PDBML (XML) file of the C-alpha atoms, coordinates in Angstrom:
<?xml version="1.0" encoding="UTF-8" ?>
<PDBx:datablock datablockName="MODEL"
   xmlns:PDBx="http://pdbml.pdb.org/schema/pdbx-v50.xsd"
   xmlns:xsi="http://www.w3.org/2001/XMLSchema-instance"
   xsi:schemaLocation="http://pdbml.pdb.org/schema/pdbx-v50.xsd pdbx-v50.xsd">
   <PDBx:atom_siteCategory>
      <PDBx:atom_site id="1">
         <PDBx:B_iso_or_equiv>0.00</PDBx:B_iso_or_equiv>
         <PDBx:Cartn_x>-0.040</PDBx:Cartn_x>
         <PDBx:Cartn_y>-0.107</PDBx:Cartn_y>
         <PDBx:Cartn_z>-0.028</PDBx:Cartn_z>
         <PDBx:auth_asym_id>A</PDBx:auth_asym_id>
         <PDBx:auth_atom_id>CA</PDBx:auth_atom_id>
         <PDBx:auth_comp_id>ARG</PDBx:auth_comp_id>
         <PDBx:auth_seq_id>1</PDBx:auth_seq_id>
         <PDBx:group_PDB>ATOM</PDBx:group_PDB>
         <PDBx:label_alt_id xsi:nil="true" />
         <PDBx:label_asym_id>A</PDBx:label_asym_id>
         <PDBx:label_atom_id>CA</PDBx:label_atom_id>
         <PDBx:label_comp_id>ARG</PDBx:label_comp_id>
         <PDBx:label_entity_id>1</PDBx:label_entity_id>
         <PDBx:label_seq_id>1</PDBx:label_seq_id>
         <PDBx:occupancy>1.00</PDBx:occupancy>
         <PDBx:pdbx_PDB_model_num>1</PDBx:pdbx_PDB_model_num>
         <PDBx:type_symbol>C</PDBx:type_symbol>
      </PDBx:atom_site>
      <PDBx:atom_site id="2">
         <PDBx:B_iso_or_equiv>0.00</PDBx:B_iso_or_equiv>
         <PDBx:Cartn_x>1.355</PDBx:Cartn_x>
         <PDBx:Cartn_y>3.516</PDBx:Cartn_y>
         <PDBx:Cartn_z>-0.723</PDBx:Cartn_z>
         <PDBx:auth_asym_id>A</PDBx:auth_asym_id>
         <PDBx:auth_atom_id>CA</PDBx:auth_atom_id>
         <PDBx:auth_comp_id>PRO</PDBx:auth_comp_id>
         <PDBx:auth_seq_id>2</PDBx:auth_seq_id>
         <PDBx:group_PDB>ATOM</PDBx:group_PDB>
         <PDBx:label_alt_id xsi:nil="true" />
         <PDBx:label_asym_id>A</PDBx:label_asym_id>
         <PDBx:label_atom_id>CA</PDBx:label_atom_id>
         <PDBx:label_comp_id>PRO</PDBx:label_comp_id>
         <PDBx:label_entity_id>1</PDBx:label_entity_id>
         <PDBx:label_seq_id>2</PDBx:label_seq_id>
         <PDBx:occupancy>1.00</PDBx:occupancy>
         <PDBx:pdbx_PDB_model_num>1</PDBx:pdbx_PDB_model_num>
         <PDBx:type_symbol>C</PDBx:type_symbol>
      </PDBx:atom_site>
      <PDBx:atom_site id="3">
         <PDBx:B_iso_or_equiv>0.00</PDBx:B_iso_or_equiv>
         <PDBx:Cartn_x>2.451</PDBx:Cartn_x>
         <PDBx:Cartn_y>5.332</PDBx:Cartn_y>
         <PDBx:Cartn_z>2.178</PDBx:Cartn_z>
         <PDBx:auth_asym_id>A</PDBx:auth_asym_id>
         <PDBx:auth_atom_id>CA</PDBx:auth_atom_id>
         <PDBx:auth_comp_id>GLY</PDBx:auth_comp_id>
         <PDBx:auth_seq_id>3</PDBx:auth_seq_id>
         <PDBx:group_PDB>ATOM</PDBx:group_PDB>
         <PDBx:label_alt_id xsi:nil="true" />
         <PDBx:label_asym_id>A</PDBx:label_asym_id>
         <PDBx:label_atom_id>CA</PDBx:label_atom_id>
         <PDBx:label_comp_id>GLY</PDBx:label_comp_id>
         <PDBx:label_entity_id>1</PDBx:label_entity_id>
         <PDBx:label_seq_id>3</PDBx:label_seq_id>
         <PDBx:occupancy>1.00</PDBx:occupancy>
         <PDBx:pdbx_PDB_model_num>1</PDBx:pdbx_PDB_model_num>
         <PDBx:type_symbol>C</PDBx:type_symbol>
      </PDBx:atom_site>
      <PDBx:atom_site id="4">
         <PDBx:B_iso_or_equiv>0.00</PDBx:B_iso_or_equiv>
         <PDBx:Cartn_x>2.681</PDBx:Cartn_x>
         <PDBx:Cartn_y>2.317</PDBx:Cartn_y>
         <PDBx:Cartn_z>4.443</PDBx:Cartn_z>
         <PDBx:auth_asym_id>A</PDBx:auth_asym_id>
         <PDBx:auth_atom_id>CA</PDBx:auth_atom_id>
         <PDBx:auth_comp_id>ILE</PDBx:auth_comp_id>
         <PDBx:auth_seq_id>4</PDBx:auth_seq_id>
         <PDBx:group_PDB>ATOM</PDBx:group_PDB>
         <PDBx:label_alt_id xsi:nil="true" />
         <PDBx:label_asym_id>A</PDBx:label_asym_id>
         <PDBx:label_atom_id>CA</PDBx:label_atom_id>
         <PDBx:label_comp_id>ILE</PDBx:label_comp_id>
         <PDBx:label_entity_id>1</PDBx:label_entity_id>
         <PDBx:label_seq_id>4</PDBx:label_seq_id>
         <PDBx:occupancy>1.00</PDBx:occupancy>
         <PDBx:pdbx_PDB_model_num>1</PDBx:pdbx_PDB_model_num>
         <PDBx:type_symbol>C</PDBx:type_symbol>
      </PDBx:atom_site>
      <PDBx:atom_site id="5">
         <PDBx:B_iso_or_equiv>0.00</PDBx:B_iso_or_equiv>
         <PDBx:Cartn_x>6.083</PDBx:Cartn_x>
         <PDBx:Cartn_y>1.107</PDBx:Cartn_y>
         <PDBx:Cartn_z>5.434</PDBx:Cartn_z>
         <PDBx:auth_asym_id>A</PDBx:auth_asym_id>
         <PDBx:auth_atom_id>CA</PDBx:auth_atom_id>
         <PDBx:auth_comp_id>TYR</PDBx:auth_comp_id>
         <PDBx:auth_seq_id>5</PDBx:auth_seq_id>
         <PDBx:group_PDB>ATOM</PDBx:group_PDB>
         <PDBx:label_alt_id xsi:nil="true" />
         <PDBx:label_asym_id>A</PDBx:label_asym_id>
         <PDBx:label_atom_id>CA</PDBx:label_atom_id>
         <PDBx:label_comp_id>TYR</PDBx:label_comp_id>
         <PDBx:label_entity_id>1</PDBx:label_entity_id>
         <PDBx:label_seq_id>5</PDBx:label_seq_id>
         <PDBx:occupancy>1.00</PDBx:occupancy>
         <PDBx:pdbx_PDB_model_num>1</PDBx:pdbx_PDB_model_num>
         <PDBx:type_symbol>C</PDBx:type_symbol>
      </PDBx:atom_site>
      <PDBx:atom_site id="6">
         <PDBx:B_iso_or_equiv>0.00</PDBx:B_iso_or_equiv>
         <PDBx:Cartn_x>7.354</PDBx:Cartn_x>
         <PDBx:Cartn_y>-1.856</PDBx:Cartn_y>
         <PDBx:Cartn_z>7.581</PDBx:Cartn_z>
         <PDBx:auth_asym_id>A</PDBx:auth_asym_id>
         <PDBx:auth_atom_id>CA</PDBx:auth_atom_id>
         <PDBx:auth_comp_id>ALA</PDBx:auth_comp_id>
         <PDBx:auth_seq_id>6</PDBx:auth_seq_id>
         <PDBx:group_PDB>ATOM</PDBx:group_PDB>
         <PDBx:label_alt_id xsi:nil="true" />
         <PDBx:label_asym_id>A</PDBx:label_asym_id>
         <PDBx:label_atom_id>CA</PDBx:label_atom_id>
         <PDBx:label_comp_id>ALA</PDBx:label_comp_id>
         <PDBx:label_entity_id>1</PDBx:label_entity_id>
         <PDBx:label_seq_id>6</PDBx:label_seq_id>
         <PDBx:occupancy>1.00</PDBx:occupancy>
         <PDBx:pdbx_PDB_model_num>1</PDBx:pdbx_PDB_model_num>
         <PDBx:type_symbol>C</PDBx:type_symbol>
      </PDBx:atom_site>
      <PDBx:atom_site id="7">
         <PDBx:B_iso_or_equiv>0.00</PDBx:B_iso_or_equiv>
         <PDBx:Cartn_x>10.652</PDBx:Cartn_x>
         <PDBx:Cartn_y>-2.031</PDBx:Cartn_y>
         <PDBx:Cartn_z>9.489</PDBx:Cartn_z>
         <PDBx:auth_asym_id>A</PDBx:auth_asym_id>
         <PDBx:auth_atom_id>CA</PDBx:auth_atom_id>
         <PDBx:auth_comp_id>VAL</PDBx:auth_comp_id>
         <PDBx:auth_seq_id>7</PDBx:auth_seq_id>
         <PDBx:group_PDB>ATOM</PDBx:group_PDB>
         <PDBx:label_alt_id xsi:nil="true" />
         <PDBx:label_asym_id>A</PDBx:label_asym_id>
         <PDBx:label_atom_id>CA</PDBx:label_atom_id>
         <PDBx:label_comp_id>VAL</PDBx:label_comp_id>
         <PDBx:label_entity_id>1</PDBx:label_entity_id>
         <PDBx:label_seq_id>7</PDBx:label_seq_id>
         <PDBx:occupancy>1.00</PDBx:occupancy>
         <PDBx:pdbx_PDB_model_num>1</PDBx:pdbx_PDB_model_num>
         <PDBx:type_symbol>C</PDBx:type_symbol>
      </PDBx:atom_site>
      <PDBx:atom_site id="8">
         <PDBx:B_iso_or_equiv>0.00</PDBx:B_iso_or_equiv>
         <PDBx:Cartn_x>12.339</PDBx:Cartn_x>
         <PDBx:Cartn_y>-4.105</PDBx:Cartn_y>
         <PDBx:Cartn_z>12.145</PDBx:Cartn_z>
         <PDBx:auth_asym_id>A</PDBx:auth_asym_id>
         <PDBx:auth_atom_id>CA</PDBx:auth_atom_id>
         <PDBx:auth_comp_id>GLY</PDBx:auth_comp_id>
         <PDBx:auth_seq_id>8</PDBx:auth_seq_id>
         <PDBx:group_PDB>ATOM</PDBx:group_PDB>
         <PDBx:label_alt_id xsi:nil="true" />
         <PDBx:label_asym_id>A</PDBx:label_asym_id>
         <PDBx:label_atom_id>CA</PDBx:label_atom_id>
         <PDBx:label_comp_id>GLY</PDBx:label_comp_id>
         <PDBx:label_entity_id>1</PDBx:label_entity_id>
         <PDBx:label_seq_id>8</PDBx:label_seq_id>
         <PDBx:occupancy>1.00</PDBx:occupancy>
         <PDBx:pdbx_PDB_model_num>1</PDBx:pdbx_PDB_model_num>
         <PDBx:type_symbol>C</PDBx:type_symbol>
      </PDBx:atom_site>
      <PDBx:atom_site id="9">
         <PDBx:B_iso_or_equiv>0.00</PDBx:B_iso_or_equiv>
         <PDBx:Cartn_x>11.372</PDBx:Cartn_x>
         <PDBx:Cartn_y>-7.543</PDBx:Cartn_y>
         <PDBx:Cartn_z>13.180</PDBx:Cartn_z>
         <PDBx:auth_asym_id>A</PDBx:auth_asym_id>
         <PDBx:auth_atom_id>CA</PDBx:auth_atom_id>
         <PDBx:auth_comp_id>ASP</PDBx:auth_comp_id>
         <PDBx:auth_seq_id>9</PDBx:auth_seq_id>
         <PDBx:group_PDB>ATOM</PDBx:group_PDB>
         <PDBx:label_alt_id xsi:nil="true" />
         <PDBx:label_asym_id>A</PDBx:label_asym_id>
         <PDBx:label_atom_id>CA</PDBx:label_atom_id>
         <PDBx:label_comp_id>ASP</PDBx:label_comp_id>
         <PDBx:label_entity_id>1</PDBx:label_entity_id>
         <PDBx:label_seq_id>9</PDBx:label_seq_id>
         <PDBx:occupancy>1.00</PDBx:occupancy>
         <PDBx:pdbx_PDB_model_num>1</PDBx:pdbx_PDB_model_num>
         <PDBx:type_symbol>C</PDBx:type_symbol>
      </PDBx:atom_site>
      <PDBx:atom_site id="10">
         <PDBx:B_iso_or_equiv>0.00</PDBx:B_iso_or_equiv>
         <PDBx:Cartn_x>7.867</PDBx:Cartn_x>
         <PDBx:Cartn_y>-7.418</PDBx:Cartn_y>
         <PDBx:Cartn_z>11.688</PDBx:Cartn_z>
         <PDBx:auth_asym_id>A</PDBx:auth_asym_id>
         <PDBx:auth_atom_id>CA</PDBx:auth_atom_id>
         <PDBx:auth_comp_id>VAL</PDBx:auth_comp_id>
         <PDBx:auth_seq_id>10</PDBx:auth_seq_id>
         <PDBx:group_PDB>ATOM</PDBx:group_PDB>
         <PDBx:label_alt_id xsi:nil="true" />
         <PDBx:label_asym_id>A</PDBx:label_asym_id>
         <PDBx:label_atom_id>CA</PDBx:label_atom_id>
         <PDBx:label_comp_id>VAL</PDBx:label_comp_id>
         <PDBx:label_entity_id>1</PDBx:label_entity_id>
         <PDBx:label_seq_id>10</PDBx:label_seq_id>
         <PDBx:occupancy>1.00</PDBx:occupancy>
         <PDBx:pdbx_PDB_model_num>1</PDBx:pdbx_PDB_model_num>
         <PDBx:type_symbol>C</PDBx:type_symbol>
      </PDBx:atom_site>
      <PDBx:atom_site id="11">
         <PDBx:B_iso_or_equiv>0.00</PDBx:B_iso_or_equiv>
         <PDBx:Cartn_x>9.261</PDBx:Cartn_x>
         <PDBx:Cartn_y>-7.149</PDBx:Cartn_y>
         <PDBx:Cartn_z>8.191</PDBx:Cartn_z>
         <PDBx:auth_asym_id>A</PDBx:auth_asym_id>
         <PDBx:auth_atom_id>CA</PDBx:auth_atom_id>
         <PDBx:auth_comp_id>ARG</PDBx:auth_comp_id>
         <PDBx:auth_seq_id>11</PDBx:auth_seq_id>
         <PDBx:group_PDB>ATOM</PDBx:group_PDB>
         <PDBx:label_alt_id xsi:nil="true" />
         <PDBx:label_asym_id>A</PDBx:label_asym_id>
         <PDBx:label_atom_id>CA</PDBx:label_atom_id>
         <PDBx:label_comp_id>ARG</PDBx:label_comp_id>
         <PDBx:label_entity_id>1</PDBx:label_entity_id>
         <PDBx:label_seq_id>11</PDBx:label_seq_id>
         <PDBx:occupancy>1.00</PDBx:occupancy>
         <PDBx:pdbx_PDB_model_num>1</PDBx:pdbx_PDB_model_num>
         <PDBx:type_symbol>C</PDBx:type_symbol>
      </PDBx:atom_site>
      <PDBx:atom_site id="12">
         <PDBx:B_iso_or_equiv>0.00</PDBx:B_iso_or_equiv>
         <PDBx:Cartn_x>9.812</PDBx:Cartn_x>
         <PDBx:Cartn_y>-10.134</PDBx:Cartn_y>
         <PDBx:Cartn_z>6.227</PDBx:Cartn_z>
         <PDBx:auth_asym_id>A</PDBx:auth_asym_id>
         <PDBx:auth_atom_id>CA</PDBx:auth_atom_id>
         <PDBx:auth_comp_id>SER</PDBx:auth_comp_id>
         <PDBx:auth_seq_id>12</PDBx:auth_seq_id>
         <PDBx:group_PDB>ATOM</PDBx:group_PDB>
         <PDBx:label_alt_id xsi:nil="true" />
         <PDBx:label_asym_id>A</PDBx:label_asym_id>
         <PDBx:label_atom_id>CA</PDBx:label_atom_id>
         <PDBx:label_comp_id>SER</PDBx:label_comp_id>
         <PDBx:label_entity_id>1</PDBx:label_entity_id>
         <PDBx:label_seq_id>12</PDBx:label_seq_id>
         <PDBx:occupancy>1.00</PDBx:occupancy>
         <PDBx:pdbx_PDB_model_num>1</PDBx:pdbx_PDB_model_num>
         <PDBx:type_symbol>C</PDBx:type_symbol>
      </PDBx:atom_site>
      <PDBx:atom_site id="13">
         <PDBx:B_iso_or_equiv>0.00</PDBx:B_iso_or_equiv>
         <PDBx:Cartn_x>13.468</PDBx:Cartn_x>
         <PDBx:Cartn_y>-10.977</PDBx:Cartn_y>
         <PDBx:Cartn_z>5.589</PDBx:Cartn_z>
         <PDBx:auth_asym_id>A</PDBx:auth_asym_id>
         <PDBx:auth_atom_id>CA</PDBx:auth_atom_id>
         <PDBx:auth_comp_id>GLY</PDBx:auth_comp_id>
         <PDBx:auth_seq_id>13</PDBx:auth_seq_id>
         <PDBx:group_PDB>ATOM</PDBx:group_PDB>
         <PDBx:label_alt_id xsi:nil="true" />
         <PDBx:label_asym_id>A</PDBx:label_asym_id>
         <PDBx:label_atom_id>CA</PDBx:label_atom_id>
         <PDBx:label_comp_id>GLY</PDBx:label_comp_id>
         <PDBx:label_entity_id>1</PDBx:label_entity_id>
         <PDBx:label_seq_id>13</PDBx:label_seq_id>
         <PDBx:occupancy>1.00</PDBx:occupancy>
         <PDBx:pdbx_PDB_model_num>1</PDBx:pdbx_PDB_model_num>
         <PDBx:type_symbol>C</PDBx:type_symbol>
      </PDBx:atom_site>
      <PDBx:atom_site id="14">
         <PDBx:B_iso_or_equiv>0.00</PDBx:B_iso_or_equiv>
         <PDBx:Cartn_x>14.933</PDBx:Cartn_x>
         <PDBx:Cartn_y>-8.409</PDBx:Cartn_y>
         <PDBx:Cartn_z>8.206</PDBx:Cartn_z>
         <PDBx:auth_asym_id>A</PDBx:auth_asym_id>
         <PDBx:auth_atom_id>CA</PDBx:auth_atom_id>
         <PDBx:auth_comp_id>SER</PDBx:auth_comp_id>
         <PDBx:auth_seq_id>14</PDBx:auth_seq_id>
         <PDBx:group_PDB>ATOM</PDBx:group_PDB>
         <PDBx:label_alt_id xsi:nil="true" />
         <PDBx:label_asym_id>A</PDBx:label_asym_id>
         <PDBx:label_atom_id>CA</PDBx:label_atom_id>
         <PDBx:label_comp_id>SER</PDBx:label_comp_id>
         <PDBx:label_entity_id>1</PDBx:label_entity_id>
         <PDBx:label_seq_id>14</PDBx:label_seq_id>
         <PDBx:occupancy>1.00</PDBx:occupancy>
         <PDBx:pdbx_PDB_model_num>1</PDBx:pdbx_PDB_model_num>
         <PDBx:type_symbol>C</PDBx:type_symbol>
      </PDBx:atom_site>
      <PDBx:atom_site id="15">
         <PDBx:B_iso_or_equiv>0.00</PDBx:B_iso_or_equiv>
         <PDBx:Cartn_x>17.735</PDBx:Cartn_x>
         <PDBx:Cartn_y>-9.152</PDBx:Cartn_y>
         <PDBx:Cartn_z>10.336</PDBx:Cartn_z>
         <PDBx:auth_asym_id>A</PDBx:auth_asym_id>
         <PDBx:auth_atom_id>CA</PDBx:auth_atom_id>
         <PDBx:auth_comp_id>VAL</PDBx:auth_comp_id>
         <PDBx:auth_seq_id>15</PDBx:auth_seq_id>
         <PDBx:group_PDB>ATOM</PDBx:group_PDB>
         <PDBx:label_alt_id xsi:nil="true" />
         <PDBx:label_asym_id>A</PDBx:label_asym_id>
         <PDBx:label_atom_id>CA</PDBx:label_atom_id>
         <PDBx:label_comp_id>VAL</PDBx:label_comp_id>
         <PDBx:label_entity_id>1</PDBx:label_entity_id>
         <PDBx:label_seq_id>15</PDBx:label_seq_id>
         <PDBx:occupancy>1.00</PDBx:occupancy>
         <PDBx:pdbx_PDB_model_num>1</PDBx:pdbx_PDB_model_num>
         <PDBx:type_symbol>C</PDBx:type_symbol>
      </PDBx:atom_site>
      <PDBx:atom_site id="16">
         <PDBx:B_iso_or_equiv>0.00</PDBx:B_iso_or_equiv>
         <PDBx:Cartn_x>16.525</PDBx:Cartn_x>
         <PDBx:Cartn_y>-9.680</PDBx:Cartn_y>
         <PDBx:Cartn_z>13.885</PDBx:Cartn_z>
         <PDBx:auth_asym_id>A</PDBx:auth_asym_id>
         <PDBx:auth_atom_id>CA</PDBx:auth_atom_id>
         <PDBx:auth_comp_id>LYS</PDBx:auth_comp_id>
         <PDBx:auth_seq_id>16</PDBx:auth_seq_id>
         <PDBx:group_PDB>ATOM</PDBx:group_PDB>
         <PDBx:label_alt_id xsi:nil="true" />
         <PDBx:label_asym_id>A</PDBx:label_asym_id>
         <PDBx:label_atom_id>CA</PDBx:label_atom_id>
         <PDBx:label_comp_id>LYS</PDBx:label_comp_id>
         <PDBx:label_entity_id>1</PDBx:label_entity_id>
         <PDBx:label_seq_id>16</PDBx:label_seq_id>
         <PDBx:occupancy>1.00</PDBx:occupancy>
         <PDBx:pdbx_PDB_model_num>1</PDBx:pdbx_PDB_model_num>
         <PDBx:type_symbol>C</PDBx:type_symbol>
      </PDBx:atom_site>
      <PDBx:atom_site id="17">
         <PDBx:B_iso_or_equiv>0.00</PDBx:B_iso_or_equiv>
         <PDBx:Cartn_x>19.073</PDBx:Cartn_x>
         <PDBx:Cartn_y>-7.470</PDBx:Cartn_y>
         <PDBx:Cartn_z>15.680</PDBx:Cartn_z>
         <PDBx:auth_asym_id>A</PDBx:auth_asym_id>
         <PDBx:auth_atom_id>CA</PDBx:auth_atom_id>
         <PDBx:auth_comp_id>ARG</PDBx:auth_comp_id>
         <PDBx:auth_seq_id>17</PDBx:auth_seq_id>
         <PDBx:group_PDB>ATOM</PDBx:group_PDB>
         <PDBx:label_alt_id xsi:nil="true" />
         <PDBx:label_asym_id>A</PDBx:label_asym_id>
         <PDBx:label_atom_id>CA</PDBx:label_atom_id>
         <PDBx:label_comp_id>ARG</PDBx:label_comp_id>
         <PDBx:label_entity_id>1</PDBx:label_entity_id>
         <PDBx:label_seq_id>17</PDBx:label_seq_id>
         <PDBx:occupancy>1.00</PDBx:occupancy>
         <PDBx:pdbx_PDB_model_num>1</PDBx:pdbx_PDB_model_num>
         <PDBx:type_symbol>C</PDBx:type_symbol>
      </PDBx:atom_site>
      <PDBx:atom_site id="18">
         <PDBx:B_iso_or_equiv>0.00</PDBx:B_iso_or_equiv>
         <PDBx:Cartn_x>18.724</PDBx:Cartn_x>
         <PDBx:Cartn_y>-4.200</PDBx:Cartn_y>
         <PDBx:Cartn_z>17.533</PDBx:Cartn_z>
         <PDBx:auth_asym_id>A</PDBx:auth_asym_id>
         <PDBx:auth_atom_id>CA</PDBx:auth_atom_id>
         <PDBx:auth_comp_id>VAL</PDBx:auth_comp_id>
         <PDBx:auth_seq_id>18</PDBx:auth_seq_id>
         <PDBx:group_PDB>ATOM</PDBx:group_PDB>
         <PDBx:label_alt_id xsi:nil="true" />
         <PDBx:label_asym_id>A</PDBx:label_asym_id>
         <PDBx:label_atom_id>CA</PDBx:label_atom_id>
         <PDBx:label_comp_id>VAL</PDBx:label_comp_id>
         <PDBx:label_entity_id>1</PDBx:label_entity_id>
         <PDBx:label_seq_id>18</PDBx:label_seq_id>
         <PDBx:occupancy>1.00</PDBx:occupancy>
         <PDBx:pdbx_PDB_model_num>1</PDBx:pdbx_PDB_model_num>
         <PDBx:type_symbol>C</PDBx:type_symbol>
      </PDBx:atom_site>
      <PDBx:atom_site id="19">
         <PDBx:B_iso_or_equiv>0.00</PDBx:B_iso_or_equiv>
         <PDBx:Cartn_x>21.152</PDBx:Cartn_x>
         <PDBx:Cartn_y>-2.303</PDBx:Cartn_y>
         <PDBx:Cartn_z>15.435</PDBx:Cartn_z>
         <PDBx:auth_asym_id>A</PDBx:auth_asym_id>
         <PDBx:auth_atom_id>CA</PDBx:auth_atom_id>
         <PDBx:auth_comp_id>ALA</PDBx:auth_comp_id>
         <PDBx:auth_seq_id>19</PDBx:auth_seq_id>
         <PDBx:group_PDB>ATOM</PDBx:group_PDB>
         <PDBx:label_alt_id xsi:nil="true" />
         <PDBx:label_asym_id>A</PDBx:label_asym_id>
         <PDBx:label_atom_id>CA</PDBx:label_atom_id>
         <PDBx:label_comp_id>ALA</PDBx:label_comp_id>
         <PDBx:label_entity_id>1</PDBx:label_entity_id>
         <PDBx:label_seq_id>19</PDBx:label_seq_id>
         <PDBx:occupancy>1.00</PDBx:occupancy>
         <PDBx:pdbx_PDB_model_num>1</PDBx:pdbx_PDB_model_num>
         <PDBx:type_symbol>C</PDBx:type_symbol>
      </PDBx:atom_site>
      <PDBx:atom_site id="20">
         <PDBx:B_iso_or_equiv>0.00</PDBx:B_iso_or_equiv>
         <PDBx:Cartn_x>19.314</PDBx:Cartn_x>
         <PDBx:Cartn_y>-3.338</PDBx:Cartn_y>
         <PDBx:Cartn_z>12.124</PDBx:Cartn_z>
         <PDBx:auth_asym_id>A</PDBx:auth_asym_id>
         <PDBx:auth_atom_id>CA</PDBx:auth_atom_id>
         <PDBx:auth_comp_id>SER</PDBx:auth_comp_id>
         <PDBx:auth_seq_id>20</PDBx:auth_seq_id>
         <PDBx:group_PDB>ATOM</PDBx:group_PDB>
         <PDBx:label_alt_id xsi:nil="true" />
         <PDBx:label_asym_id>A</PDBx:label_asym_id>
         <PDBx:label_atom_id>CA</PDBx:label_atom_id>
         <PDBx:label_comp_id>SER</PDBx:label_comp_id>
         <PDBx:label_entity_id>1</PDBx:label_entity_id>
         <PDBx:label_seq_id>20</PDBx:label_seq_id>
         <PDBx:occupancy>1.00</PDBx:occupancy>
         <PDBx:pdbx_PDB_model_num>1</PDBx:pdbx_PDB_model_num>
         <PDBx:type_symbol>C</PDBx:type_symbol>
      </PDBx:atom_site>
      <PDBx:atom_site id="21">
         <PDBx:B_iso_or_equiv>0.00</PDBx:B_iso_or_equiv>
         <PDBx:Cartn_x>16.099</PDBx:Cartn_x>
         <PDBx:Cartn_y>-2.270</PDBx:Cartn_y>
         <PDBx:Cartn_z>13.536</PDBx:Cartn_z>
         <PDBx:auth_asym_id>A</PDBx:auth_asym_id>
         <PDBx:auth_atom_id>CA</PDBx:auth_atom_id>
         <PDBx:auth_comp_id>GLY</PDBx:auth_comp_id>
         <PDBx:auth_seq_id>21</PDBx:auth_seq_id>
         <PDBx:group_PDB>ATOM</PDBx:group_PDB>
         <PDBx:label_alt_id xsi:nil="true" />
         <PDBx:label_asym_id>A</PDBx:label_asym_id>
         <PDBx:label_atom_id>CA</PDBx:label_atom_id>
         <PDBx:label_comp_id>GLY</PDBx:label_comp_id>
         <PDBx:label_entity_id>1</PDBx:label_entity_id>
         <PDBx:label_seq_id>21</PDBx:label_seq_id>
         <PDBx:occupancy>1.00</PDBx:occupancy>
         <PDBx:pdbx_PDB_model_num>1</PDBx:pdbx_PDB_model_num>
         <PDBx:type_symbol>C</PDBx:type_symbol>
      </PDBx:atom_site>
      <PDBx:atom_site id="22">
         <PDBx:B_iso_or_equiv>0.00</PDBx:B_iso_or_equiv>
         <PDBx:Cartn_x>17.306</PDBx:Cartn_x>
         <PDBx:Cartn_y>1.194</PDBx:Cartn_y>
         <PDBx:Cartn_z>14.517</PDBx:Cartn_z>
         <PDBx:auth_asym_id>A</PDBx:auth_asym_id>
         <PDBx:auth_atom_id>CA</PDBx:auth_atom_id>
         <PDBx:auth_comp_id>VAL</PDBx:auth_comp_id>
         <PDBx:auth_seq_id>22</PDBx:auth_seq_id>
         <PDBx:group_PDB>ATOM</PDBx:group_PDB>
         <PDBx:label_alt_id xsi:nil="true" />
         <PDBx:label_asym_id>A</PDBx:label_asym_id>
         <PDBx:label_atom_id>CA</PDBx:label_atom_id>
         <PDBx:label_comp_id>VAL</PDBx:label_comp_id>
         <PDBx:label_entity_id>1</PDBx:label_entity_id>
         <PDBx:label_seq_id>22</PDBx:label_seq_id>
         <PDBx:occupancy>1.00</PDBx:occupancy>
         <PDBx:pdbx_PDB_model_num>1</PDBx:pdbx_PDB_model_num>
         <PDBx:type_symbol>C</PDBx:type_symbol>
      </PDBx:atom_site>
      <PDBx:atom_site id="23">
         <PDBx:B_iso_or_equiv>0.00</PDBx:B_iso_or_equiv>
         <PDBx:Cartn_x>18.913</PDBx:Cartn_x>
         <PDBx:Cartn_y>1.542</PDBx:Cartn_y>
         <PDBx:Cartn_z>11.131</PDBx:Cartn_z>
         <PDBx:auth_asym_id>A</PDBx:auth_asym_id>
         <PDBx:auth_atom_id>CA</PDBx:auth_atom_id>
         <PDBx:auth_comp_id>GLY</PDBx:auth_comp_id>
         <PDBx:auth_seq_id>23</PDBx:auth_seq_id>
         <PDBx:group_PDB>ATOM</PDBx:group_PDB>
         <PDBx:label_alt_id xsi:nil="true" />
         <PDBx:label_asym_id>A</PDBx:label_asym_id>
         <PDBx:label_atom_id>CA</PDBx:label_atom_id>
         <PDBx:label_comp_id>GLY</PDBx:label_comp_id>
         <PDBx:label_entity_id>1</PDBx:label_entity_id>
         <PDBx:label_seq_id>23</PDBx:label_seq_id>
         <PDBx:occupancy>1.00</PDBx:occupancy>
         <PDBx:pdbx_PDB_model_num>1</PDBx:pdbx_PDB_model_num>
         <PDBx:type_symbol>C</PDBx:type_symbol>
      </PDBx:atom_site>
      <PDBx:atom_site id="24">
         <PDBx:B_iso_or_equiv>0.00</PDBx:B_iso_or_equiv>
         <PDBx:Cartn_x>15.711</PDBx:Cartn_x>
         <PDBx:Cartn_y>0.588</PDBx:Cartn_y>
         <PDBx:Cartn_z>9.343</PDBx:Cartn_z>
         <PDBx:auth_asym_id>A</PDBx:auth_asym_id>
         <PDBx:auth_atom_id>CA</PDBx:auth_atom_id>
         <PDBx:auth_comp_id>GLU</PDBx:auth_comp_id>
         <PDBx:auth_seq_id>24</PDBx:auth_seq_id>
         <PDBx:group_PDB>ATOM</PDBx:group_PDB>
         <PDBx:label_alt_id xsi:nil="true" />
         <PDBx:label_asym_id>A</PDBx:label_asym_id>
         <PDBx:label_atom_id>CA</PDBx:label_atom_id>
         <PDBx:label_comp_id>GLU</PDBx:label_comp_id>
         <PDBx:label_entity_id>1</PDBx:label_entity_id>
         <PDBx:label_seq_id>24</PDBx:label_seq_id>
         <PDBx:occupancy>1.00</PDBx:occupancy>
         <PDBx:pdbx_PDB_model_num>1</PDBx:pdbx_PDB_model_num>
         <PDBx:type_symbol>C</PDBx:type_symbol>
      </PDBx:atom_site>
      <PDBx:atom_site id="25">
         <PDBx:B_iso_or_equiv>0.00</PDBx:B_iso_or_equiv>
         <PDBx:Cartn_x>13.682</PDBx:Cartn_x>
         <PDBx:Cartn_y>2.827</PDBx:Cartn_y>
         <PDBx:Cartn_z>11.427</PDBx:Cartn_z>
         <PDBx:auth_asym_id>A</PDBx:auth_asym_id>
         <PDBx:auth_atom_id>CA</PDBx:auth_atom_id>
         <PDBx:auth_comp_id>GLY</PDBx:auth_comp_id>
         <PDBx:auth_seq_id>25</PDBx:auth_seq_id>
         <PDBx:group_PDB>ATOM</PDBx:group_PDB>
         <PDBx:label_alt_id xsi:nil="true" />
         <PDBx:label_asym_id>A</PDBx:label_asym_id>
         <PDBx:label_atom_id>CA</PDBx:label_atom_id>
         <PDBx:label_comp_id>GLY</PDBx:label_comp_id>
         <PDBx:label_entity_id>1</PDBx:label_entity_id>
         <PDBx:label_seq_id>25</PDBx:label_seq_id>
         <PDBx:occupancy>1.00</PDBx:occupancy>
         <PDBx:pdbx_PDB_model_num>1</PDBx:pdbx_PDB_model_num>
         <PDBx:type_symbol>C</PDBx:type_symbol>
      </PDBx:atom_site>
   </PDBx:atom_siteCategory>
</PDBx:datablock>
């Protein structure tokens, strides 16, 4: 959907680490 984004652990294929979550966010 336009204007809706997903970051961190809820995102498919994300690296489940604190640093990567902060980076994506």
